[in-house]
Amino acid sequence: RSVEQIHQETDVPFATLEALHQSGLLNWIPRDANGDLSSIGSIAHASGTCSPCLFWFRNLCTKSIGCSYCHFKHEGQKSKRIRPSRKARLLMRADAKAAGDGGVEEER
């Protein structure tokens, strides 16, 4: 498929796809069971040397095909808790306080 076709089907920025095409990586990115491109990190999935993407597993990966982690399910893979960053926790706490929820503990 051409870079333009892949851009239309994935909504990945054209410049990103063009760079992957120029480096030769675009043709190596495997497709999932639905025919969708996975990620750069999924290239090593067949050899078993990849690392699974925790965010993809939870449908939260924002890096799309540019992710350096594998976007295929791995045997024994379990859903792990993703702890929000300190900044995100402080924002959630501030929102809760503004809403009148005084039962939230303060950050130490």
PDB file of N, CA and C in Angstrom:
ATOM      1  N   ARG A   1       0.837  -1.191   0.000  1.00  0.00           N
ATOM      2  CA  ARG A   1       0.000   0.000   0.000  1.00  0.00           C
ATOM      3  C   ARG A   1       0.875   1.246   0.000  1.00  0.00           C
ATOM      4  N   SER A   2       0.332   2.291  -0.555  1.00  0.00           N
ATOM      5  CA  SER A   2       1.092   3.532  -0.614  1.00  0.00           C
ATOM      6  C   SER A   2       0.993   4.267   0.719  1.00  0.00           C
ATOM      7  N   VAL A   3       1.916   5.197   0.930  1.00  0.00           N
ATOM      8  CA  VAL A   3       1.923   5.999   2.145  1.00  0.00           C
ATOM      9  C   VAL A   3       0.623   6.789   2.261  1.00  0.00           C
ATOM     10  N   GLU A   4       0.124   7.290   1.147  1.00  0.00           N
ATOM     11  CA  GLU A   4      -1.130   8.052   1.139  1.00  0.00           C
ATOM     12  C   GLU A   4      -2.302   7.178   1.582  1.00  0.00           C
ATOM     13  N   GLN A   5      -2.376   5.938   1.098  1.00  0.00           N
ATOM     14  CA  GLN A   5      -3.456   5.029   1.489  1.00  0.00           C
ATOM     15  C   GLN A   5      -3.391   4.727   2.987  1.00  0.00           C
ATOM     16  N   ILE A   6      -2.191   4.475   3.483  1.00  0.00           N
ATOM     17  CA  ILE A   6      -2.019   4.177   4.900  1.00  0.00           C
ATOM     18  C   ILE A   6      -2.397   5.396   5.739  1.00  0.00           C
ATOM     19  N   HIS A   7      -2.033   6.587   5.270  1.00  0.00           N
ATOM     20  CA  HIS A   7      -2.398   7.826   5.969  1.00  0.00           C
ATOM     21  C   HIS A   7      -3.920   7.947   6.082  1.00  0.00           C
ATOM     22  N   GLN A   8      -4.625   7.657   5.007  1.00  0.00           N
ATOM     23  CA  GLN A   8      -6.080   7.770   5.005  1.00  0.00           C
ATOM     24  C   GLN A   8      -6.734   6.740   5.915  1.00  0.00           C
ATOM     25  N   GLU A   9      -6.173   5.529   5.971  1.00  0.00           N
ATOM     26  CA  GLU A   9      -6.794   4.488   6.792  1.00  0.00           C
ATOM     27  C   GLU A   9      -6.431   4.583   8.269  1.00  0.00           C
ATOM     28  N   THR A  10      -5.309   5.232   8.603  1.00  0.00           N
ATOM     29  CA  THR A  10      -4.865   5.257   9.997  1.00  0.00           C
ATOM     30  C   THR A  10      -4.949   6.620  10.663  1.00  0.00           C
ATOM     31  N   ASP A  11      -5.033   7.686   9.905  1.00  0.00           N
ATOM     32  CA  ASP A  11      -5.002   9.048  10.438  1.00  0.00           C
ATOM     33  C   ASP A  11      -3.670   9.388  11.111  1.00  0.00           C
ATOM     34  N   VAL A  12      -2.632   8.592  10.849  1.00  0.00           N
ATOM     35  CA  VAL A  12      -1.289   8.915  11.325  1.00  0.00           C
ATOM     36  C   VAL A  12      -0.768  10.044  10.439  1.00  0.00           C
ATOM     37  N   PRO A  13      -0.109  11.052  11.007  1.00  0.00           N
ATOM     38  CA  PRO A  13       0.392  12.160  10.188  1.00  0.00           C
ATOM     39  C   PRO A  13       1.229  11.676   8.999  1.00  0.00           C
ATOM     40  N   PHE A  14       1.001  12.291   7.872  1.00  0.00           N
ATOM     41  CA  PHE A  14       1.686  11.892   6.637  1.00  0.00           C
ATOM     42  C   PHE A  14       3.203  11.960   6.796  1.00  0.00           C
ATOM     43  N   ALA A  15       3.699  12.991   7.473  1.00  0.00           N
ATOM     44  CA  ALA A  15       5.144  13.148   7.650  1.00  0.00           C
ATOM     45  C   ALA A  15       5.730  11.974   8.439  1.00  0.00           C
ATOM     46  N   THR A  16       5.001  11.497   9.434  1.00  0.00           N
ATOM     47  CA  THR A  16       5.455  10.354  10.224  1.00  0.00           C
ATOM     48  C   THR A  16       5.537   9.114   9.355  1.00  0.00           C
ATOM     49  N   LEU A  17       4.496   8.878   8.566  1.00  0.00           N
ATOM     50  CA  LEU A  17       4.475   7.718   7.678  1.00  0.00           C
ATOM     51  C   LEU A  17       5.576   7.798   6.623  1.00  0.00           C
ATOM     52  N   GLU A  18       5.784   8.994   6.087  1.00  0.00           N
ATOM     53  CA  GLU A  18       6.825   9.183   5.066  1.00  0.00           C
ATOM     54  C   GLU A  18       8.196   8.884   5.651  1.00  0.00           C
ATOM     55  N   ALA A  19       8.441   9.352   6.878  1.00  0.00           N
ATOM     56  CA  ALA A  19       9.732   9.084   7.536  1.00  0.00           C
ATOM     57  C   ALA A  19       9.919   7.585   7.764  1.00  0.00           C
ATOM     58  N   LEU A  20       8.860   6.898   8.195  1.00  0.00           N
ATOM     59  CA  LEU A  20       8.943   5.448   8.390  1.00  0.00           C
ATOM     60  C   LEU A  20       9.184   4.733   7.065  1.00  0.00           C
ATOM     61  N   HIS A  21       8.551   5.230   6.001  1.00  0.00           N
ATOM     62  CA  HIS A  21       8.737   4.644   4.672  1.00  0.00           C
ATOM     63  C   HIS A  21      10.184   4.834   4.191  1.00  0.00           C
ATOM     64  N   GLN A  22      10.709   6.039   4.381  1.00  0.00           N
ATOM     65  CA  GLN A  22      12.079   6.332   3.952  1.00  0.00           C
ATOM     66  C   GLN A  22      13.099   5.477   4.710  1.00  0.00           C
ATOM     67  N   SER A  23      12.822   5.187   5.985  1.00  0.00           N
ATOM     68  CA  SER A  23      13.754   4.375   6.772  1.00  0.00           C
ATOM     69  C   SER A  23      13.572   2.890   6.509  1.00  0.00           C
ATOM     70  N   GLY A  24      12.517   2.531   5.788  1.00  0.00           N
ATOM     71  CA  GLY A  24      12.265   1.125   5.477  1.00  0.00           C
ATOM     72  C   GLY A  24      11.462   0.395   6.540  1.00  0.00           C
ATOM     73  N   LEU A  25      11.092   1.072   7.613  1.00  0.00           N
ATOM     74  CA  LEU A  25      10.362   0.415   8.703  1.00  0.00           C
ATOM     75  C   LEU A  25       8.887   0.204   8.398  1.00  0.00           C
ATOM     76  N   LEU A  26       8.294   1.057   7.605  1.00  0.00           N
ATOM     77  CA  LEU A  26       6.860   0.991   7.360  1.00  0.00           C
ATOM     78  C   LEU A  26       6.442  -0.369   6.798  1.00  0.00           C
ATOM     79  N   ASN A  27       7.240  -0.922   5.918  1.00  0.00           N
ATOM     80  CA  ASN A  27       6.913  -2.214   5.313  1.00  0.00           C
ATOM     81  C   ASN A  27       7.071  -3.375   6.293  1.00  0.00           C
ATOM     82  N   TRP A  28       7.796  -3.168   7.377  1.00  0.00           N
ATOM     83  CA  TRP A  28       8.031  -4.233   8.356  1.00  0.00           C
ATOM     84  C   TRP A  28       7.006  -4.251   9.486  1.00  0.00           C
ATOM     85  N   ILE A  29       6.240  -3.177   9.640  1.00  0.00           N
ATOM     86  CA  ILE A  29       5.257  -3.111  10.731  1.00  0.00           C
ATOM     87  C   ILE A  29       4.140  -4.107  10.432  1.00  0.00           C
ATOM     88  N   PRO A  30       3.940  -5.077  11.338  1.00  0.00           N
ATOM     89  CA  PRO A  30       2.912  -6.096  11.085  1.00  0.00           C
ATOM     90  C   PRO A  30       1.502  -5.550  11.269  1.00  0.00           C
ATOM     91  N   ARG A  31       0.563  -6.251  10.671  1.00  0.00           N
ATOM     92  CA  ARG A  31      -0.850  -5.898  10.805  1.00  0.00           C
ATOM     93  C   ARG A  31      -1.520  -6.888  11.761  1.00  0.00           C
ATOM     94  N   ASP A  32      -2.531  -6.405  12.464  1.00  0.00           N
ATOM     95  CA  ASP A  32      -3.245  -7.269  13.401  1.00  0.00           C
ATOM     96  C   ASP A  32      -4.293  -8.106  12.654  1.00  0.00           C
ATOM     97  N   ALA A  33      -5.100  -8.844  13.394  1.00  0.00           N
ATOM     98  CA  ALA A  33      -6.105  -9.719  12.792  1.00  0.00           C
ATOM     99  C   ALA A  33      -7.130  -8.947  11.968  1.00  0.00           C
ATOM    100  N   ASN A  34      -7.324  -7.670  12.279  1.00  0.00           N
ATOM    101  CA  ASN A  34      -8.272  -6.833  11.529  1.00  0.00           C
ATOM    102  C   ASN A  34      -7.636  -6.165  10.320  1.00  0.00           C
ATOM    103  N   GLY A  35      -6.343  -6.360  10.128  1.00  0.00           N
ATOM    104  CA  GLY A  35      -5.639  -5.740   9.008  1.00  0.00           C
ATOM    105  C   GLY A  35      -5.105  -4.356   9.307  1.00  0.00           C
ATOM    106  N   ASP A  36      -5.199  -3.926  10.573  1.00  0.00           N
ATOM    107  CA  ASP A  36      -4.700  -2.610  10.965  1.00  0.00           C
ATOM    108  C   ASP A  36      -3.219  -2.694  11.313  1.00  0.00           C
ATOM    109  N   LEU A  37      -2.475  -1.618  10.998  1.00  0.00           N
ATOM    110  CA  LEU A  37      -1.063  -1.574  11.368  1.00  0.00           C
ATOM    111  C   LEU A  37      -0.928  -1.576  12.886  1.00  0.00           C
ATOM    112  N   SER A  38       0.067  -2.291  13.404  1.00  0.00           N
ATOM    113  CA  SER A  38       0.272  -2.337  14.848  1.00  0.00           C
ATOM    114  C   SER A  38       1.220  -1.214  15.251  1.00  0.00           C
ATOM    115  N   SER A  39       2.485  -1.515  15.535  1.00  0.00           N
ATOM    116  CA  SER A  39       3.446  -0.489  15.947  1.00  0.00           C
ATOM    117  C   SER A  39       4.855  -0.915  15.564  1.00  0.00           C
ATOM    118  N   ILE A  40       5.779   0.039  15.628  1.00  0.00           N
ATOM    119  CA  ILE A  40       7.182  -0.266  15.345  1.00  0.00           C
ATOM    120  C   ILE A  40       7.683  -1.335  16.304  1.00  0.00           C
ATOM    121  N   GLY A  41       7.269  -1.240  17.567  1.00  0.00           N
ATOM    122  CA  GLY A  41       7.697  -2.215  18.572  1.00  0.00           C
ATOM    123  C   GLY A  41       7.179  -3.614  18.316  1.00  0.00           C
ATOM    124  N   SER A  42       6.177  -3.751  17.460  1.00  0.00           N
ATOM    125  CA  SER A  42       5.608  -5.066  17.146  1.00  0.00           C
ATOM    126  C   SER A  42       6.414  -5.818  16.101  1.00  0.00           C
ATOM    127  N   ILE A  43       7.372  -5.153  15.481  1.00  0.00           N
ATOM    128  CA  ILE A  43       8.185  -5.805  14.449  1.00  0.00           C
ATOM    129  C   ILE A  43       8.886  -7.028  15.020  1.00  0.00           C
ATOM    130  N   ALA A  44       9.327  -6.955  16.265  1.00  0.00           N
ATOM    131  CA  ALA A  44      10.054  -8.065  16.888  1.00  0.00           C
ATOM    132  C   ALA A  44       9.131  -9.101  17.529  1.00  0.00           C
ATOM    133  N   HIS A  45       7.813  -8.958  17.373  1.00  0.00           N
ATOM    134  CA  HIS A  45       6.875  -9.883  18.022  1.00  0.00           C
ATOM    135  C   HIS A  45       7.067 -11.325  17.556  1.00  0.00           C
ATOM    136  N   ALA A  46       7.235 -11.521  16.261  1.00  0.00           N
ATOM    137  CA  ALA A  46       7.370 -12.877  15.720  1.00  0.00           C
ATOM    138  C   ALA A  46       8.593 -13.598  16.287  1.00  0.00           C
ATOM    139  N   SER A  47       9.653 -12.846  16.594  1.00  0.00           N
ATOM    140  CA  SER A  47      10.861 -13.476  17.138  1.00  0.00           C
ATOM    141  C   SER A  47      10.788 -13.623  18.653  1.00  0.00           C
ATOM    142  N   GLY A  48       9.775 -13.013  19.277  1.00  0.00           N
ATOM    143  CA  GLY A  48       9.605 -13.128  20.714  1.00  0.00           C
ATOM    144  C   GLY A  48      10.505 -12.219  21.527  1.00  0.00           C
ATOM    145  N   THR A  49      11.109 -11.231  20.876  1.00  0.00           N
ATOM    146  CA  THR A  49      12.032 -10.335  21.584  1.00  0.00           C
ATOM    147  C   THR A  49      11.430  -8.955  21.839  1.00  0.00           C
ATOM    148  N   CYS A  50      10.115  -8.844  21.691  1.00  0.00           N
ATOM    149  CA  CYS A  50       9.457  -7.551  21.894  1.00  0.00           C
ATOM    150  C   CYS A  50       9.035  -7.374  23.351  1.00  0.00           C
ATOM    151  N   SER A  51       8.689  -6.138  23.693  1.00  0.00           N
ATOM    152  CA  SER A  51       8.146  -5.814  25.015  1.00  0.00           C
ATOM    153  C   SER A  51       6.725  -5.297  24.810  1.00  0.00           C
ATOM    154  N   PRO A  52       5.752  -5.851  25.536  1.00  0.00           N
ATOM    155  CA  PRO A  52       4.362  -5.425  25.327  1.00  0.00           C
ATOM    156  C   PRO A  52       4.107  -4.002  25.800  1.00  0.00           C
ATOM    157  N   CYS A  53       3.209  -3.333  25.118  1.00  0.00           N
ATOM    158  CA  CYS A  53       2.814  -1.969  25.464  1.00  0.00           C
ATOM    159  C   CYS A  53       1.673  -2.025  26.480  1.00  0.00           C
ATOM    160  N   LEU A  54       1.940  -1.594  27.677  1.00  0.00           N
ATOM    161  CA  LEU A  54       0.942  -1.583  28.739  1.00  0.00           C
ATOM    162  C   LEU A  54      -0.223  -0.662  28.380  1.00  0.00           C
ATOM    163  N   PHE A  55       0.070   0.439  27.739  1.00  0.00           N
ATOM    164  CA  PHE A  55      -0.973   1.407  27.402  1.00  0.00           C
ATOM    165  C   PHE A  55      -1.881   0.888  26.286  1.00  0.00           C
ATOM    166  N   TRP A  56      -1.312   0.197  25.290  1.00  0.00           N
ATOM    167  CA  TRP A  56      -2.121  -0.377  24.213  1.00  0.00           C
ATOM    168  C   TRP A  56      -3.065  -1.426  24.784  1.00  0.00           C
ATOM    169  N   PHE A  57      -2.552  -2.240  25.693  1.00  0.00           N
ATOM    170  CA  PHE A  57      -3.353  -3.300  26.292  1.00  0.00           C
ATOM    171  C   PHE A  57      -4.595  -2.724  26.968  1.00  0.00           C
ATOM    172  N   ARG A  58      -4.483  -1.511  27.476  1.00  0.00           N
ATOM    173  CA  ARG A  58      -5.614  -0.857  28.145  1.00  0.00           C
ATOM    174  C   ARG A  58      -6.309   0.160  27.227  1.00  0.00           C
ATOM    175  N   ASN A  59      -5.994   0.124  25.929  1.00  0.00           N
ATOM    176  CA  ASN A  59      -6.557   1.040  24.932  1.00  0.00           C
ATOM    177  C   ASN A  59      -6.247   2.497  25.240  1.00  0.00           C
ATOM    178  N   LEU A  60      -5.037   2.760  25.764  1.00  0.00           N
ATOM    179  CA  LEU A  60      -4.646   4.118  26.118  1.00  0.00           C
ATOM    180  C   LEU A  60      -3.397   4.601  25.387  1.00  0.00           C
ATOM    181  N   CYS A  61      -2.821   3.806  24.497  1.00  0.00           N
ATOM    182  CA  CYS A  61      -1.579   4.202  23.819  1.00  0.00           C
ATOM    183  C   CYS A  61      -1.881   5.299  22.799  1.00  0.00           C
ATOM    184  N   THR A  62      -1.196   6.417  22.946  1.00  0.00           N
ATOM    185  CA  THR A  62      -1.409   7.548  22.045  1.00  0.00           C
ATOM    186  C   THR A  62      -0.342   7.638  20.957  1.00  0.00           C
ATOM    187  N   LYS A  63       0.637   6.735  21.002  1.00  0.00           N
ATOM    188  CA  LYS A  63       1.746   6.813  20.047  1.00  0.00           C
ATOM    189  C   LYS A  63       1.472   6.089  18.741  1.00  0.00           C
ATOM    190  N   SER A  64       0.403   5.310  18.681  1.00  0.00           N
ATOM    191  CA  SER A  64      -0.011   4.628  17.467  1.00  0.00           C
ATOM    192  C   SER A  64       1.126   3.769  16.900  1.00  0.00           C
ATOM    193  N   ILE A  65       1.360   3.857  15.603  1.00  0.00           N
ATOM    194  CA  ILE A  65       2.388   3.001  15.004  1.00  0.00           C
ATOM    195  C   ILE A  65       3.799   3.447  15.392  1.00  0.00           C
ATOM    196  N   GLY A  66       3.943   4.629  15.960  1.00  0.00           N
ATOM    197  CA  GLY A  66       5.242   5.125  16.384  1.00  0.00           C
ATOM    198  C   GLY A  66       5.694   4.569  17.728  1.00  0.00           C
ATOM    199  N   CYS A  67       4.843   3.782  18.381  1.00  0.00           N
ATOM    200  CA  CYS A  67       5.166   3.240  19.704  1.00  0.00           C
ATOM    201  C   CYS A  67       6.282   2.199  19.586  1.00  0.00           C
ATOM    202  N   SER A  68       7.240   2.280  20.492  1.00  0.00           N
ATOM    203  CA  SER A  68       8.373   1.341  20.449  1.00  0.00           C
ATOM    204  C   SER A  68       8.076   0.043  21.204  1.00  0.00           C
ATOM    205  N   TYR A  69       6.845  -0.097  21.702  1.00  0.00           N
ATOM    206  CA  TYR A  69       6.431  -1.319  22.381  1.00  0.00           C
ATOM    207  C   TYR A  69       5.431  -2.077  21.512  1.00  0.00           C
ATOM    208  N   CYS A  70       5.305  -3.359  21.768  1.00  0.00           N
ATOM    209  CA  CYS A  70       4.488  -4.249  20.942  1.00  0.00           C
ATOM    210  C   CYS A  70       2.997  -4.051  21.185  1.00  0.00           C
ATOM    211  N   HIS A  71       2.239  -3.989  20.093  1.00  0.00           N
ATOM    212  CA  HIS A  71       0.789  -3.807  20.153  1.00  0.00           C
ATOM    213  C   HIS A  71       0.051  -5.106  19.820  1.00  0.00           C
ATOM    214  N   PHE A  72       0.572  -6.231  20.282  1.00  0.00           N
ATOM    215  CA  PHE A  72      -0.108  -7.514  20.188  1.00  0.00           C
ATOM    216  C   PHE A  72      -0.243  -8.071  21.590  1.00  0.00           C
ATOM    217  N   LYS A  73      -1.306  -8.852  21.813  1.00  0.00           N
ATOM    218  CA  LYS A  73      -1.495  -9.459  23.126  1.00  0.00           C
ATOM    219  C   LYS A  73      -0.464 -10.564  23.310  1.00  0.00           C
ATOM    220  N   HIS A  74       0.118 -10.611  24.505  1.00  0.00           N
ATOM    221  CA  HIS A  74       1.124 -11.608  24.832  1.00  0.00           C
ATOM    222  C   HIS A  74       0.551 -12.628  25.803  1.00  0.00           C
ATOM    223  N   GLU A  75       1.017 -13.836  25.689  1.00  0.00           N
ATOM    224  CA  GLU A  75       0.559 -14.900  26.572  1.00  0.00           C
ATOM    225  C   GLU A  75       0.852 -14.526  28.021  1.00  0.00           C
ATOM    226  N   GLY A  76      -0.153 -14.666  28.857  1.00  0.00           N
ATOM    227  CA  GLY A  76       0.014 -14.360  30.270  1.00  0.00           C
ATOM    228  C   GLY A  76      -0.065 -12.878  30.603  1.00  0.00           C
ATOM    229  N   GLN A  77      -0.315 -12.036  29.620  1.00  0.00           N
ATOM    230  CA  GLN A  77      -0.375 -10.594  29.864  1.00  0.00           C
ATOM    231  C   GLN A  77      -1.608 -10.259  30.687  1.00  0.00           C
ATOM    232  N   LYS A  78      -1.399  -9.520  31.754  1.00  0.00           N
ATOM    233  CA  LYS A  78      -2.489  -9.129  32.643  1.00  0.00           C
ATOM    234  C   LYS A  78      -2.618  -7.619  32.648  1.00  0.00           C
ATOM    235  N   SER A  79      -3.807  -7.171  32.941  1.00  0.00           N
ATOM    236  CA  SER A  79      -4.044  -5.741  33.038  1.00  0.00           C
ATOM    237  C   SER A  79      -3.384  -5.208  34.302  1.00  0.00           C
ATOM    238  N   LYS A  80      -2.489  -4.258  34.148  1.00  0.00           N
ATOM    239  CA  LYS A  80      -1.809  -3.656  35.285  1.00  0.00           C
ATOM    240  C   LYS A  80      -2.397  -2.274  35.543  1.00  0.00           C
ATOM    241  N   ARG A  81      -2.347  -1.877  36.789  1.00  0.00           N
ATOM    242  CA  ARG A  81      -2.837  -0.558  37.165  1.00  0.00           C
ATOM    243  C   ARG A  81      -1.831   0.492  36.704  1.00  0.00           C
ATOM    244  N   ILE A  82      -2.312   1.492  36.014  1.00  0.00           N
ATOM    245  CA  ILE A  82      -1.461   2.595  35.597  1.00  0.00           C
ATOM    246  C   ILE A  82      -1.700   3.730  36.579  1.00  0.00           C
ATOM    247  N   ARG A  83      -0.691   4.042  37.365  1.00  0.00           N
ATOM    248  CA  ARG A  83      -0.831   5.109  38.353  1.00  0.00           C
ATOM    249  C   ARG A  83      -0.712   6.463  37.657  1.00  0.00           C
ATOM    250  N   PRO A  84      -1.681   7.336  37.896  1.00  0.00           N
ATOM    251  CA  PRO A  84      -1.584   8.667  37.295  1.00  0.00           C
ATOM    252  C   PRO A  84      -0.345   9.409  37.820  1.00  0.00           C
ATOM    253  N   SER A  85       0.192  10.280  37.016  1.00  0.00           N
ATOM    254  CA  SER A  85       1.355  11.066  37.432  1.00  0.00           C
ATOM    255  C   SER A  85       0.990  11.944  38.622  1.00  0.00           C
ATOM    256  N   ARG A  86       1.994  12.443  39.299  1.00  0.00           N
ATOM    257  CA  ARG A  86       1.761  13.297  40.469  1.00  0.00           C
ATOM    258  C   ARG A  86       0.941  14.527  40.059  1.00  0.00           C
ATOM    259  N   LYS A  87       1.280  15.097  38.915  1.00  0.00           N
ATOM    260  CA  LYS A  87       0.556  16.274  38.439  1.00  0.00           C
ATOM    261  C   LYS A  87      -0.919  15.935  38.208  1.00  0.00           C
ATOM    262  N   ALA A  88      -1.179  14.774  37.587  1.00  0.00           N
ATOM    263  CA  ALA A  88      -2.562  14.372  37.334  1.00  0.00           C
ATOM    264  C   ALA A  88      -3.312  14.118  38.641  1.00  0.00           C
ATOM    265  N   ARG A  89      -2.633  13.508  39.603  1.00  0.00           N
ATOM    266  CA  ARG A  89      -3.268  13.264  40.905  1.00  0.00           C
ATOM    267  C   ARG A  89      -3.606  14.581  41.600  1.00  0.00           C
ATOM    268  N   LEU A  90      -2.694  15.556  41.524  1.00  0.00           N
ATOM    269  CA  LEU A  90      -2.958  16.863  42.146  1.00  0.00           C
ATOM    270  C   LEU A  90      -4.131  17.569  41.467  1.00  0.00           C
ATOM    271  N   LEU A  91      -4.216  17.447  40.140  1.00  0.00           N
ATOM    272  CA  LEU A  91      -5.333  18.052  39.414  1.00  0.00           C
ATOM    273  C   LEU A  91      -6.657  17.384  39.788  1.00  0.00           C
ATOM    274  N   MET A  92      -6.645  16.044  39.895  1.00  0.00           N
ATOM    275  CA  MET A  92      -7.864  15.333  40.291  1.00  0.00           C
ATOM    276  C   MET A  92      -8.284  15.738  41.698  1.00  0.00           C
ATOM    277  N   ARG A  93      -7.301  15.886  42.568  1.00  0.00           N
ATOM    278  CA  ARG A  93      -7.571  16.274  43.951  1.00  0.00           C
ATOM    279  C   ARG A  93      -8.167  17.690  44.003  1.00  0.00           C
ATOM    280  N   ALA A  94      -7.611  18.589  43.196  1.00  0.00           N
ATOM    281  CA  ALA A  94      -8.112  19.966  43.155  1.00  0.00           C
ATOM    282  C   ALA A  94      -9.539  20.004  42.606  1.00  0.00           C
ATOM    283  N   ASP A  95      -9.808  19.195  41.578  1.00  0.00           N
ATOM    284  CA  ASP A  95     -11.159  19.125  41.016  1.00  0.00           C
ATOM    285  C   ASP A  95     -12.149  18.594  42.042  1.00  0.00           C
ATOM    286  N   ALA A  96     -11.736  17.557  42.780  1.00  0.00           N
ATOM    287  CA  ALA A  96     -12.612  16.981  43.797  1.00  0.00           C
ATOM    288  C   ALA A  96     -12.885  17.989  44.910  1.00  0.00           C
ATOM    289  N   LYS A  97     -11.853  18.736  45.286  1.00  0.00           N
ATOM    290  CA  LYS A  97     -12.003  19.737  46.345  1.00  0.00           C
ATOM    291  C   LYS A  97     -12.936  20.863  45.879  1.00  0.00           C
ATOM    292  N   ALA A  98     -12.800  21.259  44.620  1.00  0.00           N
ATOM    293  CA  ALA A  98     -13.654  22.310  44.073  1.00  0.00           C
ATOM    294  C   ALA A  98     -15.107  21.852  43.990  1.00  0.00           C
ATOM    295  N   ALA A  99     -15.291  20.545  43.816  1.00  0.00           N
ATOM    296  CA  ALA A  99     -16.644  19.999  43.730  1.00  0.00           C
ATOM    297  C   ALA A  99     -17.257  19.790  45.107  1.00  0.00           C
ATOM    298  N   GLY A 100     -16.460  20.043  46.169  1.00  0.00           N
ATOM    299  CA  GLY A 100     -16.973  19.931  47.533  1.00  0.00           C
ATOM    300  C   GLY A 100     -16.723  18.587  48.164  1.00  0.00           C
ATOM    301  N   ASP A 101     -15.895  17.769  47.545  1.00  0.00           N
ATOM    302  CA  ASP A 101     -15.576  16.449  48.106  1.00  0.00           C
ATOM    303  C   ASP A 101     -14.367  16.620  49.023  1.00  0.00           C
ATOM    304  N   GLY A 102     -14.602  16.735  50.322  1.00  0.00           N
ATOM    305  CA  GLY A 102     -13.521  16.973  51.266  1.00  0.00           C
ATOM    306  C   GLY A 102     -12.894  15.720  51.812  1.00  0.00           C
ATOM    307  N   GLY A 103     -13.315  14.508  51.354  1.00  0.00           N
ATOM    308  CA  GLY A 103     -12.798  13.265  51.899  1.00  0.00           C
ATOM    309  C   GLY A 103     -11.522  12.772  51.260  1.00  0.00           C
ATOM    310  N   VAL A 104     -10.889  13.558  50.419  1.00  0.00           N
ATOM    311  CA  VAL A 104      -9.664  13.130  49.736  1.00  0.00           C
ATOM    312  C   VAL A 104      -8.459  13.551  50.554  1.00  0.00           C
ATOM    313  N   GLU A 105      -7.512  12.600  50.754  1.00  0.00           N
ATOM    314  CA  GLU A 105      -6.305  12.916  51.523  1.00  0.00           C
ATOM    315  C   GLU A 105      -5.378  13.792  50.708  1.00  0.00           C
ATOM    316  N   GLU A 106      -4.512  14.529  51.409  1.00  0.00           N
ATOM    317  CA  GLU A 106      -3.539  15.388  50.736  1.00  0.00           C
ATOM    318  C   GLU A 106      -2.309  14.605  50.345  1.00  0.00           C
ATOM    319  N   GLU A 107      -1.609  15.046  49.276  1.00  0.00           N
ATOM    320  CA  GLU A 107      -0.355  14.463  48.809  1.00  0.00           C
ATOM    321  C   GLU A 107       0.732  14.747  49.827  1.00  0.00           C
ATOM    322  N   ARG A 108       1.563  13.770  50.103  1.00  0.00           N
ATOM    323  CA  ARG A 108       2.648  13.956  51.069  1.00  0.00           C
ATOM    324  C   ARG A 108       3.905  14.385  50.402  1.00  0.00           C
TER     325      ARG A 108
END
